[in-house]
Amino acid sequence: MTAAAQFGSLLRSVRKSRNLKIWQVAEKVDIEVKHLGRIERGERQPSFDLIVALAKCLAVSPSEFFDFDSTVDAKTLRKNIDQLITGLDPKQLRHARRVLNALL
């Protein structure tokens, strides 16, 4: 998935979590509904000013739209964790397990 598509997916998710229709957000940030739809589908990239306006409209930090790790599926996350611990010696693995236990 491209960065634009991930951005759009997060934007749509935040909008829907606020129970707002696409036309309501488009109206508040003064853009066409079609343009916002294209952004949410990852077909267009918003300007910096539009990102800030969208964040303000949805009452989130602009960085919320760039938290791409939050959209990664469980299988990919497990693979990433496996890559991190591959090659660790037994002492390092025990330490990693303790850290995970403390976090969870």
PDB file of N, CA and C in Angstrom:
ATOM      1  N   MET A   1       0.849  -1.178   0.000  1.00  0.00           N
ATOM      2  CA  MET A   1       0.000   0.000   0.000  1.00  0.00           C
ATOM      3  C   MET A   1       0.895   1.242   0.000  1.00  0.00           C
ATOM      4  N   THR A   2       0.564   2.200  -0.851  1.00  0.00           N
ATOM      5  CA  THR A   2       1.367   3.415  -0.937  1.00  0.00           C
ATOM      6  C   THR A   2       1.140   4.297   0.291  1.00  0.00           C
ATOM      7  N   ALA A   3       2.048   5.233   0.480  1.00  0.00           N
ATOM      8  CA  ALA A   3       1.911   6.170   1.597  1.00  0.00           C
ATOM      9  C   ALA A   3       0.631   6.991   1.441  1.00  0.00           C
ATOM     10  N   ALA A   4       0.306   7.387   0.203  1.00  0.00           N
ATOM     11  CA  ALA A   4      -0.920   8.158  -0.026  1.00  0.00           C
ATOM     12  C   ALA A   4      -2.151   7.333   0.341  1.00  0.00           C
ATOM     13  N   ALA A   5      -2.128   6.050   0.011  1.00  0.00           N
ATOM     14  CA  ALA A   5      -3.260   5.178   0.345  1.00  0.00           C
ATOM     15  C   ALA A   5      -3.364   4.971   1.853  1.00  0.00           C
ATOM     16  N   GLN A   6      -2.220   4.829   2.520  1.00  0.00           N
ATOM     17  CA  GLN A   6      -2.235   4.677   3.975  1.00  0.00           C
ATOM     18  C   GLN A   6      -2.749   5.951   4.633  1.00  0.00           C
ATOM     19  N   PHE A   7      -2.284   7.099   4.141  1.00  0.00           N
ATOM     20  CA  PHE A   7      -2.761   8.381   4.659  1.00  0.00           C
ATOM     21  C   PHE A   7      -4.274   8.464   4.513  1.00  0.00           C
ATOM     22  N   GLY A   8      -4.763   8.165   3.306  1.00  0.00           N
ATOM     23  CA  GLY A   8      -6.193   8.236   3.039  1.00  0.00           C
ATOM     24  C   GLY A   8      -6.997   7.293   3.904  1.00  0.00           C
ATOM     25  N   SER A   9      -6.475   6.101   4.104  1.00  0.00           N
ATOM     26  CA  SER A   9      -7.155   5.122   4.943  1.00  0.00           C
ATOM     27  C   SER A   9      -7.276   5.619   6.381  1.00  0.00           C
ATOM     28  N   LEU A  10      -6.201   6.199   6.892  1.00  0.00           N
ATOM     29  CA  LEU A  10      -6.241   6.744   8.253  1.00  0.00           C
ATOM     30  C   LEU A  10      -7.193   7.933   8.339  1.00  0.00           C
ATOM     31  N   LEU A  11      -7.180   8.778   7.326  1.00  0.00           N
ATOM     32  CA  LEU A  11      -8.086   9.921   7.295  1.00  0.00           C
ATOM     33  C   LEU A  11      -9.535   9.446   7.323  1.00  0.00           C
ATOM     34  N   ARG A  12      -9.868   8.472   6.480  1.00  0.00           N
ATOM     35  CA  ARG A  12     -11.229   7.933   6.440  1.00  0.00           C
ATOM     36  C   ARG A  12     -11.614   7.322   7.798  1.00  0.00           C
ATOM     37  N   SER A  13     -10.675   6.598   8.382  1.00  0.00           N
ATOM     38  CA  SER A  13     -10.933   5.960   9.670  1.00  0.00           C
ATOM     39  C   SER A  13     -11.240   6.994  10.751  1.00  0.00           C
ATOM     40  N   VAL A  14     -10.456   8.053  10.792  1.00  0.00           N
ATOM     41  CA  VAL A  14     -10.685   9.110  11.788  1.00  0.00           C
ATOM     42  C   VAL A  14     -12.030   9.787  11.521  1.00  0.00           C
ATOM     43  N   ARG A  15     -12.303  10.082  10.262  1.00  0.00           N
ATOM     44  CA  ARG A  15     -13.575  10.728   9.911  1.00  0.00           C
ATOM     45  C   ARG A  15     -14.761   9.877  10.356  1.00  0.00           C
ATOM     46  N   LYS A  16     -14.694   8.591  10.046  1.00  0.00           N
ATOM     47  CA  LYS A  16     -15.796   7.694  10.411  1.00  0.00           C
ATOM     48  C   LYS A  16     -15.919   7.527  11.922  1.00  0.00           C
ATOM     49  N   SER A  17     -14.785   7.544  12.623  1.00  0.00           N
ATOM     50  CA  SER A  17     -14.841   7.421  14.080  1.00  0.00           C
ATOM     51  C   SER A  17     -15.526   8.629  14.721  1.00  0.00           C
ATOM     52  N   ARG A  18     -15.546   9.736  13.991  1.00  0.00           N
ATOM     53  CA  ARG A  18     -16.225  10.952  14.463  1.00  0.00           C
ATOM     54  C   ARG A  18     -17.674  11.008  13.969  1.00  0.00           C
ATOM     55  N   ASN A  19     -18.100   9.926  13.284  1.00  0.00           N
ATOM     56  CA  ASN A  19     -19.456   9.852  12.729  1.00  0.00           C
ATOM     57  C   ASN A  19     -19.765  11.020  11.794  1.00  0.00           C
ATOM     58  N   LEU A  20     -18.778  11.384  10.981  1.00  0.00           N
ATOM     59  CA  LEU A  20     -18.963  12.460  10.027  1.00  0.00           C
ATOM     60  C   LEU A  20     -19.033  11.891   8.616  1.00  0.00           C
ATOM     61  N   LYS A  21     -19.929  12.433   7.825  1.00  0.00           N
ATOM     62  CA  LYS A  21     -20.034  12.070   6.423  1.00  0.00           C
ATOM     63  C   LYS A  21     -18.953  12.813   5.651  1.00  0.00           C
ATOM     64  N   ILE A  22     -18.577  12.254   4.514  1.00  0.00           N
ATOM     65  CA  ILE A  22     -17.515  12.854   3.721  1.00  0.00           C
ATOM     66  C   ILE A  22     -17.876  14.280   3.307  1.00  0.00           C
ATOM     67  N   TRP A  23     -19.135  14.508   2.998  1.00  0.00           N
ATOM     68  CA  TRP A  23     -19.543  15.852   2.568  1.00  0.00           C
ATOM     69  C   TRP A  23     -19.426  16.864   3.705  1.00  0.00           C
ATOM     70  N   GLN A  24     -19.634  16.408   4.944  1.00  0.00           N
ATOM     71  CA  GLN A  24     -19.538  17.318   6.092  1.00  0.00           C
ATOM     72  C   GLN A  24     -18.108  17.810   6.274  1.00  0.00           C
ATOM     73  N   VAL A  25     -17.154  16.887   6.152  1.00  0.00           N
ATOM     74  CA  VAL A  25     -15.745  17.259   6.312  1.00  0.00           C
ATOM     75  C   VAL A  25     -15.312  18.133   5.141  1.00  0.00           C
ATOM     76  N   ALA A  26     -15.696  17.741   3.929  1.00  0.00           N
ATOM     77  CA  ALA A  26     -15.333  18.526   2.744  1.00  0.00           C
ATOM     78  C   ALA A  26     -15.838  19.959   2.867  1.00  0.00           C
ATOM     79  N   GLU A  27     -17.055  20.093   3.337  1.00  0.00           N
ATOM     80  CA  GLU A  27     -17.642  21.433   3.500  1.00  0.00           C
ATOM     81  C   GLU A  27     -16.865  22.254   4.528  1.00  0.00           C
ATOM     82  N   LYS A  28     -16.502  21.606   5.643  1.00  0.00           N
ATOM     83  CA  LYS A  28     -15.794  22.322   6.715  1.00  0.00           C
ATOM     84  C   LYS A  28     -14.401  22.779   6.297  1.00  0.00           C
ATOM     85  N   VAL A  29     -13.737  22.003   5.428  1.00  0.00           N
ATOM     86  CA  VAL A  29     -12.380  22.388   5.008  1.00  0.00           C
ATOM     87  C   VAL A  29     -12.385  23.065   3.642  1.00  0.00           C
ATOM     88  N   ASP A  30     -13.587  23.298   3.113  1.00  0.00           N
ATOM     89  CA  ASP A  30     -13.778  24.055   1.874  1.00  0.00           C
ATOM     90  C   ASP A  30     -13.099  23.414   0.653  1.00  0.00           C
ATOM     91  N   ILE A  31     -13.390  22.125   0.460  1.00  0.00           N
ATOM     92  CA  ILE A  31     -12.939  21.434  -0.746  1.00  0.00           C
ATOM     93  C   ILE A  31     -14.113  20.634  -1.309  1.00  0.00           C
ATOM     94  N   GLU A  32     -13.974  20.195  -2.541  1.00  0.00           N
ATOM     95  CA  GLU A  32     -15.003  19.381  -3.173  1.00  0.00           C
ATOM     96  C   GLU A  32     -15.023  17.983  -2.551  1.00  0.00           C
ATOM     97  N   VAL A  33     -16.202  17.393  -2.470  1.00  0.00           N
ATOM     98  CA  VAL A  33     -16.351  16.045  -1.937  1.00  0.00           C
ATOM     99  C   VAL A  33     -15.526  15.060  -2.771  1.00  0.00           C
ATOM    100  N   LYS A  34     -15.540  15.233  -4.100  1.00  0.00           N
ATOM    101  CA  LYS A  34     -14.777  14.339  -4.980  1.00  0.00           C
ATOM    102  C   LYS A  34     -13.286  14.384  -4.655  1.00  0.00           C
ATOM    103  N   HIS A  35     -12.785  15.575  -4.356  1.00  0.00           N
ATOM    104  CA  HIS A  35     -11.367  15.712  -4.027  1.00  0.00           C
ATOM    105  C   HIS A  35     -11.037  14.978  -2.730  1.00  0.00           C
ATOM    106  N   LEU A  36     -11.899  15.132  -1.734  1.00  0.00           N
ATOM    107  CA  LEU A  36     -11.676  14.442  -0.462  1.00  0.00           C
ATOM    108  C   LEU A  36     -11.764  12.934  -0.665  1.00  0.00           C
ATOM    109  N   GLY A  37     -12.689  12.484  -1.476  1.00  0.00           N
ATOM    110  CA  GLY A  37     -12.797  11.057  -1.778  1.00  0.00           C
ATOM    111  C   GLY A  37     -11.535  10.524  -2.430  1.00  0.00           C
ATOM    112  N   ARG A  38     -10.976  11.299  -3.346  1.00  0.00           N
ATOM    113  CA  ARG A  38      -9.730  10.885  -4.003  1.00  0.00           C
ATOM    114  C   ARG A  38      -8.577  10.813  -3.004  1.00  0.00           C
ATOM    115  N   ILE A  39      -8.551  11.742  -2.060  1.00  0.00           N
ATOM    116  CA  ILE A  39      -7.513  11.710  -1.022  1.00  0.00           C
ATOM    117  C   ILE A  39      -7.692  10.464  -0.165  1.00  0.00           C
ATOM    118  N   GLU A  40      -8.924  10.176   0.240  1.00  0.00           N
ATOM    119  CA  GLU A  40      -9.175   9.006   1.081  1.00  0.00           C
ATOM    120  C   GLU A  40      -8.846   7.698   0.359  1.00  0.00           C
ATOM    121  N   ARG A  41      -8.970   7.670  -0.944  1.00  0.00           N
ATOM    122  CA  ARG A  41      -8.632   6.468  -1.717  1.00  0.00           C
ATOM    123  C   ARG A  41      -7.152   6.421  -2.091  1.00  0.00           C
ATOM    124  N   GLY A  42      -6.396   7.455  -1.753  1.00  0.00           N
ATOM    125  CA  GLY A  42      -4.971   7.493  -2.052  1.00  0.00           C
ATOM    126  C   GLY A  42      -4.662   7.891  -3.481  1.00  0.00           C
ATOM    127  N   GLU A  43      -5.650   8.440  -4.178  1.00  0.00           N
ATOM    128  CA  GLU A  43      -5.460   8.848  -5.566  1.00  0.00           C
ATOM    129  C   GLU A  43      -4.854  10.238  -5.679  1.00  0.00           C
ATOM    130  N   ARG A  44      -5.007  11.034  -4.662  1.00  0.00           N
ATOM    131  CA  ARG A  44      -4.463  12.395  -4.616  1.00  0.00           C
ATOM    132  C   ARG A  44      -3.764  12.609  -3.289  1.00  0.00           C
ATOM    133  N   GLN A  45      -2.797  13.521  -3.306  1.00  0.00           N
ATOM    134  CA  GLN A  45      -2.081  13.860  -2.084  1.00  0.00           C
ATOM    135  C   GLN A  45      -2.451  15.275  -1.660  1.00  0.00           C
ATOM    136  N   PRO A  46      -2.846  15.445  -0.414  1.00  0.00           N
ATOM    137  CA  PRO A  46      -3.262  16.774   0.046  1.00  0.00           C
ATOM    138  C   PRO A  46      -2.065  17.684   0.291  1.00  0.00           C
ATOM    139  N   SER A  47      -2.330  18.973   0.223  1.00  0.00           N
ATOM    140  CA  SER A  47      -1.298  19.952   0.567  1.00  0.00           C
ATOM    141  C   SER A  47      -1.098  19.964   2.073  1.00  0.00           C
ATOM    142  N   PHE A  48      -0.011  20.580   2.489  1.00  0.00           N
ATOM    143  CA  PHE A  48       0.250  20.710   3.920  1.00  0.00           C
ATOM    144  C   PHE A  48      -0.885  21.465   4.600  1.00  0.00           C
ATOM    145  N   ASP A  49      -1.322  22.563   3.980  1.00  0.00           N
ATOM    146  CA  ASP A  49      -2.402  23.359   4.560  1.00  0.00           C
ATOM    147  C   ASP A  49      -3.685  22.540   4.701  1.00  0.00           C
ATOM    148  N   LEU A  50      -3.971  21.702   3.723  1.00  0.00           N
ATOM    149  CA  LEU A  50      -5.175  20.873   3.800  1.00  0.00           C
ATOM    150  C   LEU A  50      -5.045  19.823   4.902  1.00  0.00           C
ATOM    151  N   ILE A  51      -3.864  19.247   5.059  1.00  0.00           N
ATOM    152  CA  ILE A  51      -3.645  18.278   6.147  1.00  0.00           C
ATOM    153  C   ILE A  51      -3.927  18.937   7.489  1.00  0.00           C
ATOM    154  N   VAL A  52      -3.426  20.140   7.671  1.00  0.00           N
ATOM    155  CA  VAL A  52      -3.652  20.867   8.925  1.00  0.00           C
ATOM    156  C   VAL A  52      -5.140  21.170   9.103  1.00  0.00           C
ATOM    157  N   ALA A  53      -5.805  21.593   8.031  1.00  0.00           N
ATOM    158  CA  ALA A  53      -7.241  21.897   8.114  1.00  0.00           C
ATOM    159  C   ALA A  53      -8.048  20.643   8.441  1.00  0.00           C
ATOM    160  N   LEU A  54      -7.708  19.521   7.829  1.00  0.00           N
ATOM    161  CA  LEU A  54      -8.404  18.265   8.117  1.00  0.00           C
ATOM    162  C   LEU A  54      -8.206  17.852   9.571  1.00  0.00           C
ATOM    163  N   ALA A  55      -6.979  17.978  10.052  1.00  0.00           N
ATOM    164  CA  ALA A  55      -6.691  17.625  11.443  1.00  0.00           C
ATOM    165  C   ALA A  55      -7.487  18.510  12.402  1.00  0.00           C
ATOM    166  N   LYS A  56      -7.537  19.785  12.108  1.00  0.00           N
ATOM    167  CA  LYS A  56      -8.290  20.709  12.962  1.00  0.00           C
ATOM    168  C   LYS A  56      -9.773  20.368  12.928  1.00  0.00           C
ATOM    169  N   CYS A  57     -10.297  20.098  11.754  1.00  0.00           N
ATOM    170  CA  CYS A  57     -11.705  19.745  11.597  1.00  0.00           C
ATOM    171  C   CYS A  57     -12.057  18.471  12.373  1.00  0.00           C
ATOM    172  N   LEU A  58     -11.149  17.519  12.374  1.00  0.00           N
ATOM    173  CA  LEU A  58     -11.395  16.227  13.021  1.00  0.00           C
ATOM    174  C   LEU A  58     -10.857  16.166  14.451  1.00  0.00           C
ATOM    175  N   ALA A  59     -10.311  17.276  14.921  1.00  0.00           N
ATOM    176  CA  ALA A  59      -9.812  17.405  16.292  1.00  0.00           C
ATOM    177  C   ALA A  59      -8.736  16.367  16.622  1.00  0.00           C
ATOM    178  N   VAL A  60      -7.772  16.232  15.711  1.00  0.00           N
ATOM    179  CA  VAL A  60      -6.627  15.349  15.935  1.00  0.00           C
ATOM    180  C   VAL A  60      -5.351  16.083  15.544  1.00  0.00           C
ATOM    181  N   SER A  61      -4.235  15.530  15.941  1.00  0.00           N
ATOM    182  CA  SER A  61      -2.953  16.049  15.505  1.00  0.00           C
ATOM    183  C   SER A  61      -2.741  15.625  14.052  1.00  0.00           C
ATOM    184  N   PRO A  62      -2.139  16.463  13.231  1.00  0.00           N
ATOM    185  CA  PRO A  62      -1.847  16.046  11.853  1.00  0.00           C
ATOM    186  C   PRO A  62      -1.039  14.749  11.791  1.00  0.00           C
ATOM    187  N   SER A  63      -0.237  14.493  12.809  1.00  0.00           N
ATOM    188  CA  SER A  63       0.575  13.275  12.812  1.00  0.00           C
ATOM    189  C   SER A  63      -0.279  12.010  12.863  1.00  0.00           C
ATOM    190  N   GLU A  64      -1.522  12.132  13.317  1.00  0.00           N
ATOM    191  CA  GLU A  64      -2.444  10.991  13.375  1.00  0.00           C
ATOM    192  C   GLU A  64      -2.615  10.355  11.993  1.00  0.00           C
ATOM    193  N   PHE A  65      -2.566  11.171  10.955  1.00  0.00           N
ATOM    194  CA  PHE A  65      -2.752  10.676   9.598  1.00  0.00           C
ATOM    195  C   PHE A  65      -1.515   9.961   9.054  1.00  0.00           C
ATOM    196  N   PHE A  66      -0.419  10.032   9.794  1.00  0.00           N
ATOM    197  CA  PHE A  66       0.829   9.420   9.343  1.00  0.00           C
ATOM    198  C   PHE A  66       1.265   8.254  10.231  1.00  0.00           C
ATOM    199  N   ASP A  67       0.391   7.793  11.092  1.00  0.00           N
ATOM    200  CA  ASP A  67       0.691   6.666  11.970  1.00  0.00           C
ATOM    201  C   ASP A  67       0.448   5.370  11.203  1.00  0.00           C
ATOM    202  N   PHE A  68       1.282   5.162  10.179  1.00  0.00           N
ATOM    203  CA  PHE A  68       1.090   4.043   9.262  1.00  0.00           C
ATOM    204  C   PHE A  68       1.207   2.691   9.945  1.00  0.00           C
ATOM    205  N   ASP A  69       1.938   2.604  11.035  1.00  0.00           N
ATOM    206  CA  ASP A  69       2.069   1.325  11.746  1.00  0.00           C
ATOM    207  C   ASP A  69       0.736   0.837  12.284  1.00  0.00           C
ATOM    208  N   SER A  70      -0.187   1.741  12.531  1.00  0.00           N
ATOM    209  CA  SER A  70      -1.477   1.340  13.089  1.00  0.00           C
ATOM    210  C   SER A  70      -2.342   0.591  12.076  1.00  0.00           C
ATOM    211  N   THR A  71      -1.982   0.670  10.785  1.00  0.00           N
ATOM    212  CA  THR A  71      -2.783  -0.003   9.755  1.00  0.00           C
ATOM    213  C   THR A  71      -2.176  -1.329   9.317  1.00  0.00           C
ATOM    214  N   VAL A  72      -1.070  -1.731   9.940  1.00  0.00           N
ATOM    215  CA  VAL A  72      -0.396  -2.969   9.555  1.00  0.00           C
ATOM    216  C   VAL A  72      -1.141  -4.157  10.165  1.00  0.00           C
ATOM    217  N   ASP A  73      -1.344  -5.201   9.363  1.00  0.00           N
ATOM    218  CA  ASP A  73      -2.079  -6.366   9.851  1.00  0.00           C
ATOM    219  C   ASP A  73      -1.210  -7.207  10.782  1.00  0.00           C
ATOM    220  N   ALA A  74      -1.854  -8.102  11.528  1.00  0.00           N
ATOM    221  CA  ALA A  74      -1.180  -8.911  12.546  1.00  0.00           C
ATOM    222  C   ALA A  74      -0.094  -9.802  11.937  1.00  0.00           C
ATOM    223  N   LYS A  75      -0.343 -10.366  10.773  1.00  0.00           N
ATOM    224  CA  LYS A  75       0.639 -11.243  10.134  1.00  0.00           C
ATOM    225  C   LYS A  75       1.932 -10.484   9.826  1.00  0.00           C
ATOM    226  N   THR A  76       1.789  -9.283   9.317  1.00  0.00           N
ATOM    227  CA  THR A  76       2.958  -8.456   9.007  1.00  0.00           C
ATOM    228  C   THR A  76       3.692  -8.058  10.278  1.00  0.00           C
ATOM    229  N   LEU A  77       2.947  -7.722  11.320  1.00  0.00           N
ATOM    230  CA  LEU A  77       3.579  -7.367  12.587  1.00  0.00           C
ATOM    231  C   LEU A  77       4.381  -8.530  13.154  1.00  0.00           C
ATOM    232  N   ARG A  78       3.817  -9.739  13.107  1.00  0.00           N
ATOM    233  CA  ARG A  78       4.546 -10.915  13.591  1.00  0.00           C
ATOM    234  C   ARG A  78       5.825 -11.136  12.794  1.00  0.00           C
ATOM    235  N   LYS A  79       5.732 -10.944  11.489  1.00  0.00           N
ATOM    236  CA  LYS A  79       6.908 -11.100  10.625  1.00  0.00           C
ATOM    237  C   LYS A  79       7.976 -10.070  11.000  1.00  0.00           C
ATOM    238  N   ASN A  80       7.557  -8.829  11.245  1.00  0.00           N
ATOM    239  CA  ASN A  80       8.502  -7.778  11.635  1.00  0.00           C
ATOM    240  C   ASN A  80       9.179  -8.100  12.963  1.00  0.00           C
ATOM    241  N   ILE A  81       8.403  -8.597  13.925  1.00  0.00           N
ATOM    242  CA  ILE A  81       8.971  -8.966  15.221  1.00  0.00           C
ATOM    243  C   ILE A  81       9.948 -10.123  15.063  1.00  0.00           C
ATOM    244  N   ASP A  82       9.569 -11.100  14.246  1.00  0.00           N
ATOM    245  CA  ASP A  82      10.448 -12.242  13.994  1.00  0.00           C
ATOM    246  C   ASP A  82      11.778 -11.787  13.390  1.00  0.00           C
ATOM    247  N   GLN A  83      11.715 -10.835  12.472  1.00  0.00           N
ATOM    248  CA  GLN A  83      12.937 -10.308  11.862  1.00  0.00           C
ATOM    249  C   GLN A  83      13.812  -9.612  12.901  1.00  0.00           C
ATOM    250  N   LEU A  84      13.172  -8.941  13.856  1.00  0.00           N
ATOM    251  CA  LEU A  84      13.929  -8.253  14.900  1.00  0.00           C
ATOM    252  C   LEU A  84      14.681  -9.220  15.806  1.00  0.00           C
ATOM    253  N   ILE A  85      14.074 -10.370  16.095  1.00  0.00           N
ATOM    254  CA  ILE A  85      14.704 -11.281  17.057  1.00  0.00           C
ATOM    255  C   ILE A  85      15.552 -12.359  16.400  1.00  0.00           C
ATOM    256  N   THR A  86      15.480 -12.468  15.068  1.00  0.00           N
ATOM    257  CA  THR A  86      16.306 -13.456  14.375  1.00  0.00           C
ATOM    258  C   THR A  86      17.781 -13.133  14.604  1.00  0.00           C
ATOM    259  N   GLY A  87      18.521 -14.132  15.002  1.00  0.00           N
ATOM    260  CA  GLY A  87      19.957 -13.956  15.211  1.00  0.00           C
ATOM    261  C   GLY A  87      20.346 -13.553  16.624  1.00  0.00           C
ATOM    262  N   LEU A  88      19.360 -13.340  17.485  1.00  0.00           N
ATOM    263  CA  LEU A  88      19.696 -13.005  18.868  1.00  0.00           C
ATOM    264  C   LEU A  88      20.172 -14.252  19.596  1.00  0.00           C
ATOM    265  N   ASP A  89      21.115 -14.051  20.501  1.00  0.00           N
ATOM    266  CA  ASP A  89      21.581 -15.176  21.298  1.00  0.00           C
ATOM    267  C   ASP A  89      20.579 -15.438  22.427  1.00  0.00           C
ATOM    268  N   PRO A  90      20.689 -16.570  23.129  1.00  0.00           N
ATOM    269  CA  PRO A  90      19.709 -16.900  24.174  1.00  0.00           C
ATOM    270  C   PRO A  90      19.542 -15.817  25.244  1.00  0.00           C
ATOM    271  N   LYS A  91      20.633 -15.172  25.627  1.00  0.00           N
ATOM    272  CA  LYS A  91      20.535 -14.121  26.641  1.00  0.00           C
ATOM    273  C   LYS A  91      19.704 -12.947  26.113  1.00  0.00           C
ATOM    274  N   GLN A  92      19.935 -12.558  24.868  1.00  0.00           N
ATOM    275  CA  GLN A  92      19.182 -11.454  24.273  1.00  0.00           C
ATOM    276  C   GLN A  92      17.699 -11.831  24.101  1.00  0.00           C
ATOM    277  N   LEU A  93      17.434 -13.082  23.754  1.00  0.00           N
ATOM    278  CA  LEU A  93      16.050 -13.538  23.619  1.00  0.00           C
ATOM    279  C   LEU A  93      15.319 -13.493  24.957  1.00  0.00           C
ATOM    280  N   ARG A  94      15.993 -13.894  26.031  1.00  0.00           N
ATOM    281  CA  ARG A  94      15.365 -13.819  27.353  1.00  0.00           C
ATOM    282  C   ARG A  94      15.049 -12.368  27.714  1.00  0.00           C
ATOM    283  N   HIS A  95      15.986 -11.488  27.398  1.00  0.00           N
ATOM    284  CA  HIS A  95      15.772 -10.065  27.672  1.00  0.00           C
ATOM    285  C   HIS A  95      14.579  -9.542  26.849  1.00  0.00           C
ATOM    286  N   ALA A  96      14.507  -9.918  25.597  1.00  0.00           N
ATOM    287  CA  ALA A  96      13.392  -9.492  24.743  1.00  0.00           C
ATOM    288  C   ALA A  96      12.061 -10.007  25.297  1.00  0.00           C
ATOM    289  N   ARG A  97      12.058 -11.246  25.783  1.00  0.00           N
ATOM    290  CA  ARG A  97      10.842 -11.815  26.364  1.00  0.00           C
ATOM    291  C   ARG A  97      10.426 -11.038  27.606  1.00  0.00           C
ATOM    292  N   ARG A  98      11.395 -10.678  28.457  1.00  0.00           N
ATOM    293  CA  ARG A  98      11.074  -9.898  29.667  1.00  0.00           C
ATOM    294  C   ARG A  98      10.506  -8.535  29.297  1.00  0.00           C
ATOM    295  N   VAL A  99      11.074  -7.900  28.292  1.00  0.00           N
ATOM    296  CA  VAL A  99      10.578  -6.600  27.852  1.00  0.00           C
ATOM    297  C   VAL A  99       9.134  -6.725  27.335  1.00  0.00           C
ATOM    298  N   LEU A 100       8.884  -7.741  26.514  1.00  0.00           N
ATOM    299  CA  LEU A 100       7.528  -7.959  26.003  1.00  0.00           C
ATOM    300  C   LEU A 100       6.545  -8.260  27.130  1.00  0.00           C
ATOM    301  N   ASN A 101       6.966  -9.081  28.085  1.00  0.00           N
ATOM    302  CA  ASN A 101       6.093  -9.372  29.223  1.00  0.00           C
ATOM    303  C   ASN A 101       5.768  -8.125  30.009  1.00  0.00           C
ATOM    304  N   ALA A 102       6.751  -7.251  30.183  1.00  0.00           N
ATOM    305  CA  ALA A 102       6.529  -6.018  30.935  1.00  0.00           C
ATOM    306  C   ALA A 102       5.582  -5.088  30.181  1.00  0.00           C
ATOM    307  N   LEU A 103       5.699  -5.064  28.856  1.00  0.00           N
ATOM    308  CA  LEU A 103       4.825  -4.201  28.055  1.00  0.00           C
ATOM    309  C   LEU A 103       3.403  -4.712  27.999  1.00  0.00           C
ATOM    310  N   LEU A 104       3.261  -6.018  28.002  1.00  0.00           N
ATOM    311  CA  LEU A 104       1.942  -6.610  27.849  1.00  0.00           C
ATOM    312  C   LEU A 104       1.332  -6.916  29.196  1.00  0.00           C
TER     313      LEU A 104
END
